[in-house]
PDB file of N, CA and C in Angstrom:
ATOM      1  N   MET A   1       6.033 -18.350  -4.816  1.00  0.00           N
ATOM      2  CA  MET A   1       5.611 -16.931  -3.763  1.00  0.00           C
ATOM      3  C   MET A   1       4.392 -16.928  -4.037  1.00  0.00           C
ATOM      4  N   ASP A   2       4.566 -16.996  -2.479  1.00  0.00           N
ATOM      5  CA  ASP A   2       3.291 -16.911  -1.454  1.00  0.00           C
ATOM      6  C   ASP A   2       2.012 -15.537  -1.759  1.00  0.00           C
ATOM      7  N   TYR A   3       0.518 -15.312  -1.110  1.00  0.00           N
ATOM      8  CA  TYR A   3       0.844 -14.359  -1.482  1.00  0.00           C
ATOM      9  C   TYR A   3       0.157 -13.434  -0.646  1.00  0.00           C
ATOM     10  N   LYS A   4       1.164 -13.228   0.642  1.00  0.00           N
ATOM     11  CA  LYS A   4       1.916 -11.868   1.381  1.00  0.00           C
ATOM     12  C   LYS A   4       3.425 -11.313   0.804  1.00  0.00           C
ATOM     13  N   THR A   5       3.354 -12.180   0.407  1.00  0.00           N
ATOM     14  CA  THR A   5       4.746 -12.071  -0.495  1.00  0.00           C
ATOM     15  C   THR A   5       4.536 -10.803  -1.509  1.00  0.00           C
ATOM     16  N   LEU A   6       3.654 -11.768  -2.328  1.00  0.00           N
ATOM     17  CA  LEU A   6       2.931 -10.882  -3.359  1.00  0.00           C
ATOM     18  C   LEU A   6       2.123 -10.145  -3.250  1.00  0.00           C
ATOM     19  N   ILE A   7       1.313 -10.021  -2.140  1.00  0.00           N
ATOM     20  CA  ILE A   7       0.824  -8.379  -1.784  1.00  0.00           C
ATOM     21  C   ILE A   7       1.887  -7.278  -2.031  1.00  0.00           C
ATOM     22  N   GLY A   8       2.952  -7.680  -0.298  1.00  0.00           N
ATOM     23  CA  GLY A   8       3.747  -6.748  -0.279  1.00  0.00           C
ATOM     24  C   GLY A   8       4.483  -6.074  -2.044  1.00  0.00           C
ATOM     25  N   THR A   9       5.148  -6.958  -2.606  1.00  0.00           N
ATOM     26  CA  THR A   9       6.151  -6.356  -4.052  1.00  0.00           C
ATOM     27  C   THR A   9       4.593  -6.128  -4.506  1.00  0.00           C
ATOM     28  N   THR A  10       3.936  -6.277  -4.839  1.00  0.00           N
ATOM     29  CA  THR A  10       2.793  -5.255  -5.877  1.00  0.00           C
ATOM     30  C   THR A  10       2.876  -4.319  -4.908  1.00  0.00           C
ATOM     31  N   GLY A  11       3.068  -3.998  -3.895  1.00  0.00           N
ATOM     32  CA  GLY A  11       2.650  -2.571  -3.088  1.00  0.00           C
ATOM     33  C   GLY A  11       4.132  -2.187  -3.293  1.00  0.00           C
ATOM     34  N   ALA A  12       4.909  -2.471  -3.027  1.00  0.00           N
ATOM     35  CA  ALA A  12       5.993  -1.697  -3.569  1.00  0.00           C
ATOM     36  C   ALA A  12       6.077  -2.126  -4.647  1.00  0.00           C
ATOM     37  N   LEU A  13       5.720  -2.235  -5.934  1.00  0.00           N
ATOM     38  CA  LEU A  13       5.462  -1.899  -6.277  1.00  0.00           C
ATOM     39  C   LEU A  13       5.111  -0.574  -7.456  1.00  0.00           C
ATOM     40  N   LEU A  14       3.748  -0.793  -7.250  1.00  0.00           N
ATOM     41  CA  LEU A  14       2.849   0.280  -6.966  1.00  0.00           C
ATOM     42  C   LEU A  14       3.763   1.555  -6.511  1.00  0.00           C
ATOM     43  N   VAL A  15       4.158   2.414  -5.290  1.00  0.00           N
ATOM     44  CA  VAL A  15       4.678   2.861  -4.490  1.00  0.00           C
ATOM     45  C   VAL A  15       5.788   3.397  -5.702  1.00  0.00           C
ATOM     46  N   LEU A  16       6.611   2.710  -5.835  1.00  0.00           N
ATOM     47  CA  LEU A  16       7.608   2.895  -6.800  1.00  0.00           C
ATOM     48  C   LEU A  16       7.329   3.316  -8.123  1.00  0.00           C
ATOM     49  N   ILE A  17       6.266   2.911  -8.876  1.00  0.00           N
ATOM     50  CA  ILE A  17       6.373   3.649  -9.847  1.00  0.00           C
ATOM     51  C   ILE A  17       5.632   4.994 -10.449  1.00  0.00           C
ATOM     52  N   ALA A  18       4.699   5.174  -8.678  1.00  0.00           N
ATOM     53  CA  ALA A  18       4.126   6.385  -8.674  1.00  0.00           C
ATOM     54  C   ALA A  18       5.403   7.539  -8.775  1.00  0.00           C
ATOM     55  N   PHE A  19       6.093   6.719  -7.504  1.00  0.00           N
ATOM     56  CA  PHE A  19       8.063   7.925  -7.793  1.00  0.00           C
ATOM     57  C   PHE A  19       8.148   7.993  -8.561  1.00  0.00           C
ATOM     58  N   VAL A  20       8.593   7.219  -9.794  1.00  0.00           N
ATOM     59  CA  VAL A  20       9.523   7.206 -10.926  1.00  0.00           C
ATOM     60  C   VAL A  20       8.300   7.852 -11.968  1.00  0.00           C
ATOM     61  N   LEU A  21       7.289   7.699 -11.485  1.00  0.00           N
ATOM     62  CA  LEU A  21       6.990   8.552 -14.014  1.00  0.00           C
ATOM     63  C   LEU A  21       6.387   9.815 -12.598  1.00  0.00           C
ATOM     64  N   ASN A  22       6.490  10.764 -11.350  1.00  0.00           N
ATOM     65  CA  ASN A  22       6.657  11.831 -10.443  1.00  0.00           C
ATOM     66  C   ASN A  22       7.972  12.337 -10.679  1.00  0.00           C
ATOM     67  N   GLU A  23       9.137  11.692 -10.520  1.00  0.00           N
ATOM     68  CA  GLU A  23      10.442  11.893 -11.095  1.00  0.00           C
ATOM     69  C   GLU A  23      11.279  12.654 -12.567  1.00  0.00           C
ATOM     70  N   THR A  24      10.236  11.758 -13.441  1.00  0.00           N
ATOM     71  CA  THR A  24      10.559  11.714 -14.339  1.00  0.00           C
ATOM     72  C   THR A  24       9.465  12.490 -15.107  1.00  0.00           C
ATOM     73  N   HIS A  25       8.467  13.204 -14.136  1.00  0.00           N
ATOM     74  CA  HIS A  25       7.581  14.155 -14.945  1.00  0.00           C
ATOM     75  C   HIS A  25       6.696  13.736 -15.438  1.00  0.00           C
ATOM     76  N   LYS A  26       6.482  12.555 -15.555  1.00  0.00           N
ATOM     77  CA  LYS A  26       4.904  11.769 -16.475  1.00  0.00           C
ATOM     78  C   LYS A  26       3.427  12.559 -15.249  1.00  0.00           C
ATOM     79  N   TRP A  27       3.737  11.987 -13.950  1.00  0.00           N
ATOM     80  CA  TRP A  27       2.487  12.067 -12.946  1.00  0.00           C
ATOM     81  C   TRP A  27       2.836  13.724 -12.841  1.00  0.00           C
ATOM     82  N   SER A  28       2.007  14.880 -11.783  1.00  0.00           N
ATOM     83  CA  SER A  28       3.026  14.993 -11.534  1.00  0.00           C
ATOM     84  C   SER A  28       2.147  14.732  -9.671  1.00  0.00           C
ATOM     85  N   ASP A  29       2.681  15.566  -9.000  1.00  0.00           N
ATOM     86  CA  ASP A  29       2.371  15.183  -7.723  1.00  0.00           C
ATOM     87  C   ASP A  29       0.707  15.348  -6.748  1.00  0.00           C
ATOM     88  N   GLY A  30       0.340  16.139  -7.848  1.00  0.00           N
ATOM     89  CA  GLY A  30      -1.032  16.989  -7.606  1.00  0.00           C
ATOM     90  C   GLY A  30      -2.219  16.096  -9.017  1.00  0.00           C
ATOM     91  N   SER A  31      -1.795  14.647  -9.373  1.00  0.00           N
ATOM     92  CA  SER A  31      -2.681  14.370  -9.946  1.00  0.00           C
ATOM     93  C   SER A  31      -3.389  12.638  -8.919  1.00  0.00           C
ATOM     94  N   LEU A  32      -5.039  13.245  -9.740  1.00  0.00           N
ATOM     95  CA  LEU A  32      -4.888  11.190  -9.133  1.00  0.00           C
ATOM     96  C   LEU A  32      -4.551  10.481  -9.498  1.00  0.00           C
ATOM     97  N   ILE A  33      -4.169   9.896 -10.924  1.00  0.00           N
ATOM     98  CA  ILE A  33      -3.439   8.728 -10.576  1.00  0.00           C
ATOM     99  C   ILE A  33      -2.514   8.594 -10.000  1.00  0.00           C
ATOM    100  N   TYR A  34      -1.584  10.046  -9.785  1.00  0.00           N
ATOM    101  CA  TYR A  34      -0.422   9.270  -8.915  1.00  0.00           C
ATOM    102  C   TYR A  34      -0.704   8.604  -7.412  1.00  0.00           C
ATOM    103  N   ASP A  35      -1.541  10.139  -6.449  1.00  0.00           N
ATOM    104  CA  ASP A  35      -2.284  10.034  -5.198  1.00  0.00           C
ATOM    105  C   ASP A  35      -3.381   8.811  -5.349  1.00  0.00           C
ATOM    106  N   SER A  36      -3.705   8.316  -6.045  1.00  0.00           N
ATOM    107  CA  SER A  36      -4.556   7.072  -6.594  1.00  0.00           C
ATOM    108  C   SER A  36      -3.826   5.529  -6.519  1.00  0.00           C
ATOM    109  N   THR A  37      -2.409   5.387  -6.800  1.00  0.00           N
ATOM    110  CA  THR A  37      -1.481   4.203  -6.944  1.00  0.00           C
ATOM    111  C   THR A  37      -0.466   4.549  -5.622  1.00  0.00           C
ATOM    112  N   ASN A  38      -0.373   5.696  -5.208  1.00  0.00           N
ATOM    113  CA  ASN A  38       0.456   5.380  -3.976  1.00  0.00           C
ATOM    114  C   ASN A  38      -1.086   5.073  -2.632  1.00  0.00           C
ATOM    115  N   LEU A  39      -2.196   5.326  -2.691  1.00  0.00           N
ATOM    116  CA  LEU A  39      -3.227   5.501  -1.716  1.00  0.00           C
ATOM    117  C   LEU A  39      -3.476   3.677  -2.041  1.00  0.00           C
ATOM    118  N   LEU A  40      -3.135   3.052  -3.044  1.00  0.00           N
ATOM    119  CA  LEU A  40      -3.078   1.600  -3.567  1.00  0.00           C
ATOM    120  C   LEU A  40      -1.448   0.617  -2.743  1.00  0.00           C
ATOM    121  N   GLY A  41      -0.766   1.449  -3.385  1.00  0.00           N
ATOM    122  CA  GLY A  41      -0.157   0.799  -2.510  1.00  0.00           C
ATOM    123  C   GLY A  41       0.695   0.714  -1.952  1.00  0.00           C
ATOM    124  N   SER A  42       0.296   2.032  -0.880  1.00  0.00           N
ATOM    125  CA  SER A  42       0.802   2.140   0.930  1.00  0.00           C
ATOM    126  C   SER A  42      -0.381   0.706   1.461  1.00  0.00           C
ATOM    127  N   ALA A  43      -1.924   1.109   0.693  1.00  0.00           N
ATOM    128  CA  ALA A  43      -2.470   0.051   1.541  1.00  0.00           C
ATOM    129  C   ALA A  43      -2.100  -0.996   1.727  1.00  0.00           C
ATOM    130  N   LEU A  44      -1.933  -1.911   0.204  1.00  0.00           N
ATOM    131  CA  LEU A  44      -1.178  -3.385   0.205  1.00  0.00           C
ATOM    132  C   LEU A  44       0.348  -3.049   1.148  1.00  0.00           C
ATOM    133  N   LEU A  45       1.001  -2.264   0.836  1.00  0.00           N
ATOM    134  CA  LEU A  45       2.060  -2.137   2.127  1.00  0.00           C
ATOM    135  C   LEU A  45       2.374  -2.286   3.765  1.00  0.00           C
ATOM    136  N   VAL A  46       0.474  -1.183   3.802  1.00  0.00           N
ATOM    137  CA  VAL A  46       0.296  -1.624   5.112  1.00  0.00           C
ATOM    138  C   VAL A  46      -0.351  -2.975   5.836  1.00  0.00           C
ATOM    139  N   TYR A  47      -1.405  -3.580   5.080  1.00  0.00           N
ATOM    140  CA  TYR A  47      -1.295  -5.435   5.328  1.00  0.00           C
ATOM    141  C   TYR A  47      -0.355  -5.711   5.125  1.00  0.00           C
ATOM    142  N   TYR A  48       0.045  -6.026   4.203  1.00  0.00           N
ATOM    143  CA  TYR A  48       2.127  -7.144   4.383  1.00  0.00           C
ATOM    144  C   TYR A  48       2.644  -6.293   5.805  1.00  0.00           C
ATOM    145  N   ALA A  49       2.881  -5.532   6.330  1.00  0.00           N
ATOM    146  CA  ALA A  49       3.314  -4.694   7.569  1.00  0.00           C
ATOM    147  C   ALA A  49       2.865  -6.109   8.635  1.00  0.00           C
ATOM    148  N   LEU A  50       1.545  -5.676   9.017  1.00  0.00           N
ATOM    149  CA  LEU A  50       0.834  -5.968   9.906  1.00  0.00           C
ATOM    150  C   LEU A  50       0.756  -7.929   9.755  1.00  0.00           C
ATOM    151  N   THR A  51       0.954  -9.005   8.362  1.00  0.00           N
ATOM    152  CA  THR A  51       1.525  -9.632   8.391  1.00  0.00           C
ATOM    153  C   THR A  51       2.262 -10.327   8.939  1.00  0.00           C
ATOM    154  N   LEU A  52       3.407  -9.575   8.680  1.00  0.00           N
ATOM    155  CA  LEU A  52       4.461  -9.763   9.432  1.00  0.00           C
ATOM    156  C   LEU A  52       4.727  -9.196  10.841  1.00  0.00           C
ATOM    157  N   SER A  53       3.063  -8.594  11.339  1.00  0.00           N
ATOM    158  CA  SER A  53       3.964  -8.267  12.131  1.00  0.00           C
ATOM    159  C   SER A  53       5.294  -6.670  13.300  1.00  0.00           C
ATOM    160  N   SER A  54       5.444  -6.097  11.464  1.00  0.00           N
ATOM    161  CA  SER A  54       6.538  -5.526  12.230  1.00  0.00           C
ATOM    162  C   SER A  54       6.217  -4.197  11.876  1.00  0.00           C
ATOM    163  N   TRP A  55       5.945  -2.792  12.910  1.00  0.00           N
ATOM    164  CA  TRP A  55       5.825  -2.366  13.621  1.00  0.00           C
ATOM    165  C   TRP A  55       6.413  -0.534  13.012  1.00  0.00           C
ATOM    166  N   PRO A  56       7.096  -0.642  12.626  1.00  0.00           N
ATOM    167  CA  PRO A  56       8.291   0.168  11.945  1.00  0.00           C
ATOM    168  C   PRO A  56       7.633   0.685  11.153  1.00  0.00           C
ATOM    169  N   PHE A  57       7.589  -0.285  10.513  1.00  0.00           N
ATOM    170  CA  PHE A  57       6.670  -0.511   8.483  1.00  0.00           C
ATOM    171  C   PHE A  57       5.422  -0.458   8.304  1.00  0.00           C
ATOM    172  N   THR A  58       4.574  -0.852   9.268  1.00  0.00           N
ATOM    173  CA  THR A  58       3.251  -0.381   9.170  1.00  0.00           C
ATOM    174  C   THR A  58       2.911   0.918   9.818  1.00  0.00           C
ATOM    175  N   ALA A  59       3.120   2.060  10.818  1.00  0.00           N
ATOM    176  CA  ALA A  59       3.597   2.883  11.082  1.00  0.00           C
ATOM    177  C   ALA A  59       3.693   3.481   9.348  1.00  0.00           C
ATOM    178  N   LEU A  60       5.175   4.111   9.237  1.00  0.00           N
ATOM    179  CA  LEU A  60       4.884   4.291   8.410  1.00  0.00           C
ATOM    180  C   LEU A  60       4.370   4.079   6.575  1.00  0.00           C
ATOM    181  N   ASN A  61       3.933   3.348   6.462  1.00  0.00           N
ATOM    182  CA  ASN A  61       2.656   2.655   5.401  1.00  0.00           C
ATOM    183  C   ASN A  61       2.027   3.602   5.753  1.00  0.00           C
ATOM    184  N   ALA A  62       1.356   3.390   7.315  1.00  0.00           N
ATOM    185  CA  ALA A  62       0.393   4.423   7.579  1.00  0.00           C
ATOM    186  C   ALA A  62       0.085   5.426   6.656  1.00  0.00           C
ATOM    187  N   VAL A  63       1.020   5.891   7.656  1.00  0.00           N
ATOM    188  CA  VAL A  63       1.385   7.098   7.394  1.00  0.00           C
ATOM    189  C   VAL A  63       1.393   7.558   5.913  1.00  0.00           C
ATOM    190  N   TRP A  64       1.623   7.183   4.853  1.00  0.00           N
ATOM    191  CA  TRP A  64       1.826   6.854   3.531  1.00  0.00           C
ATOM    192  C   TRP A  64       0.656   7.213   3.492  1.00  0.00           C
ATOM    193  N   LEU A  65      -0.420   6.034   3.753  1.00  0.00           N
ATOM    194  CA  LEU A  65      -1.736   6.268   3.051  1.00  0.00           C
ATOM    195  C   LEU A  65      -2.288   6.717   3.778  1.00  0.00           C
ATOM    196  N   LEU A  66      -3.037   7.761   4.860  1.00  0.00           N
ATOM    197  CA  LEU A  66      -3.243   8.934   5.166  1.00  0.00           C
ATOM    198  C   LEU A  66      -3.094   9.524   4.116  1.00  0.00           C
ATOM    199  N   VAL A  67      -1.724  10.013   4.024  1.00  0.00           N
ATOM    200  CA  VAL A  67      -1.455  11.277   3.477  1.00  0.00           C
ATOM    201  C   VAL A  67      -2.174  10.887   2.075  1.00  0.00           C
ATOM    202  N   SER A  68      -2.092   9.327   1.582  1.00  0.00           N
ATOM    203  CA  SER A  68      -2.417   9.930  -0.107  1.00  0.00           C
ATOM    204  C   SER A  68      -3.571   8.913  -0.538  1.00  0.00           C
ATOM    205  N   LEU A  69      -4.098   8.931   0.999  1.00  0.00           N
ATOM    206  CA  LEU A  69      -6.235   8.946   1.058  1.00  0.00           C
ATOM    207  C   LEU A  69      -6.713  10.773   0.900  1.00  0.00           C
ATOM    208  N   ARG A  70      -5.887  11.313   1.448  1.00  0.00           N
ATOM    209  CA  ARG A  70      -5.918  13.014   1.720  1.00  0.00           C
ATOM    210  C   ARG A  70      -6.160  14.026   0.371  1.00  0.00           C
ATOM    211  N   ASP A  71      -5.007  13.385   0.064  1.00  0.00           N
ATOM    212  CA  ASP A  71      -4.605  13.887  -1.525  1.00  0.00           C
ATOM    213  C   ASP A  71      -6.069  13.574  -3.066  1.00  0.00           C
ATOM    214  N   THR A  72      -5.463  11.928  -2.230  1.00  0.00           N
ATOM    215  CA  THR A  72      -6.973  10.729  -3.409  1.00  0.00           C
ATOM    216  C   THR A  72      -8.470  12.056  -3.033  1.00  0.00           C
ATOM    217  N   PHE A  73      -8.702  12.133  -1.679  1.00  0.00           N
ATOM    218  CA  PHE A  73      -9.849  13.211  -1.886  1.00  0.00           C
ATOM    219  C   PHE A  73      -9.810  14.674  -2.518  1.00  0.00           C
ATOM    220  N   THR A  74      -8.683  14.776  -2.079  1.00  0.00           N
ATOM    221  CA  THR A  74      -8.296  16.527  -2.969  1.00  0.00           C
ATOM    222  C   THR A  74      -8.550  16.647  -4.144  1.00  0.00           C
ATOM    223  N   ASP A  75      -8.438  15.731  -4.860  1.00  0.00           N
ATOM    224  CA  ASP A  75      -8.210  14.609  -6.480  1.00  0.00           C
ATOM    225  C   ASP A  75      -9.096  15.739  -6.737  1.00  0.00           C
ATOM    226  N   LEU A  76     -10.492  14.307  -6.512  1.00  0.00           N
ATOM    227  CA  LEU A  76     -11.740  14.385  -6.398  1.00  0.00           C
ATOM    228  C   LEU A  76     -12.428  15.203  -6.665  1.00  0.00           C
ATOM    229  N   ARG A  77     -11.994  16.003  -5.262  1.00  0.00           N
ATOM    230  CA  ARG A  77     -13.353  17.441  -5.285  1.00  0.00           C
ATOM    231  C   ARG A  77     -12.964  18.245  -5.997  1.00  0.00           C
ATOM    232  N   ARG A  78     -11.423  18.180  -6.467  1.00  0.00           N
ATOM    233  CA  ARG A  78     -11.006  19.335  -7.145  1.00  0.00           C
ATOM    234  C   ARG A  78     -12.042  18.971  -8.827  1.00  0.00           C
ATOM    235  N   LYS A  79     -11.845  17.906  -8.514  1.00  0.00           N
ATOM    236  CA  LYS A  79     -12.233  17.090 -10.244  1.00  0.00           C
ATOM    237  C   LYS A  79     -13.929  17.975 -10.485  1.00  0.00           C
ATOM    238  N   LYS A  80     -14.460  17.840  -9.780  1.00  0.00           N
ATOM    239  CA  LYS A  80     -16.310  18.713  -9.753  1.00  0.00           C
ATOM    240  C   LYS A  80     -15.882  20.083  -9.932  1.00  0.00           C
TER     241      LYS A  80
END
């Protein structure tokens, strides 16, 4: 497996893990672990999509990244 595929696969797995754990009520959608896992996963998927020049996939994951970034910062401010 080349490094690009590994990055894309890792990103997809992280987003899916967050989704499954949220759906099974192990993680809440307002938790830092949920939001930061989505943040990392979507960042990896943005990079992967850019390497493929897949603009729709880039746009989708860039929005996911921005929302996850906002939510992660909200979680961190709430912890203080």
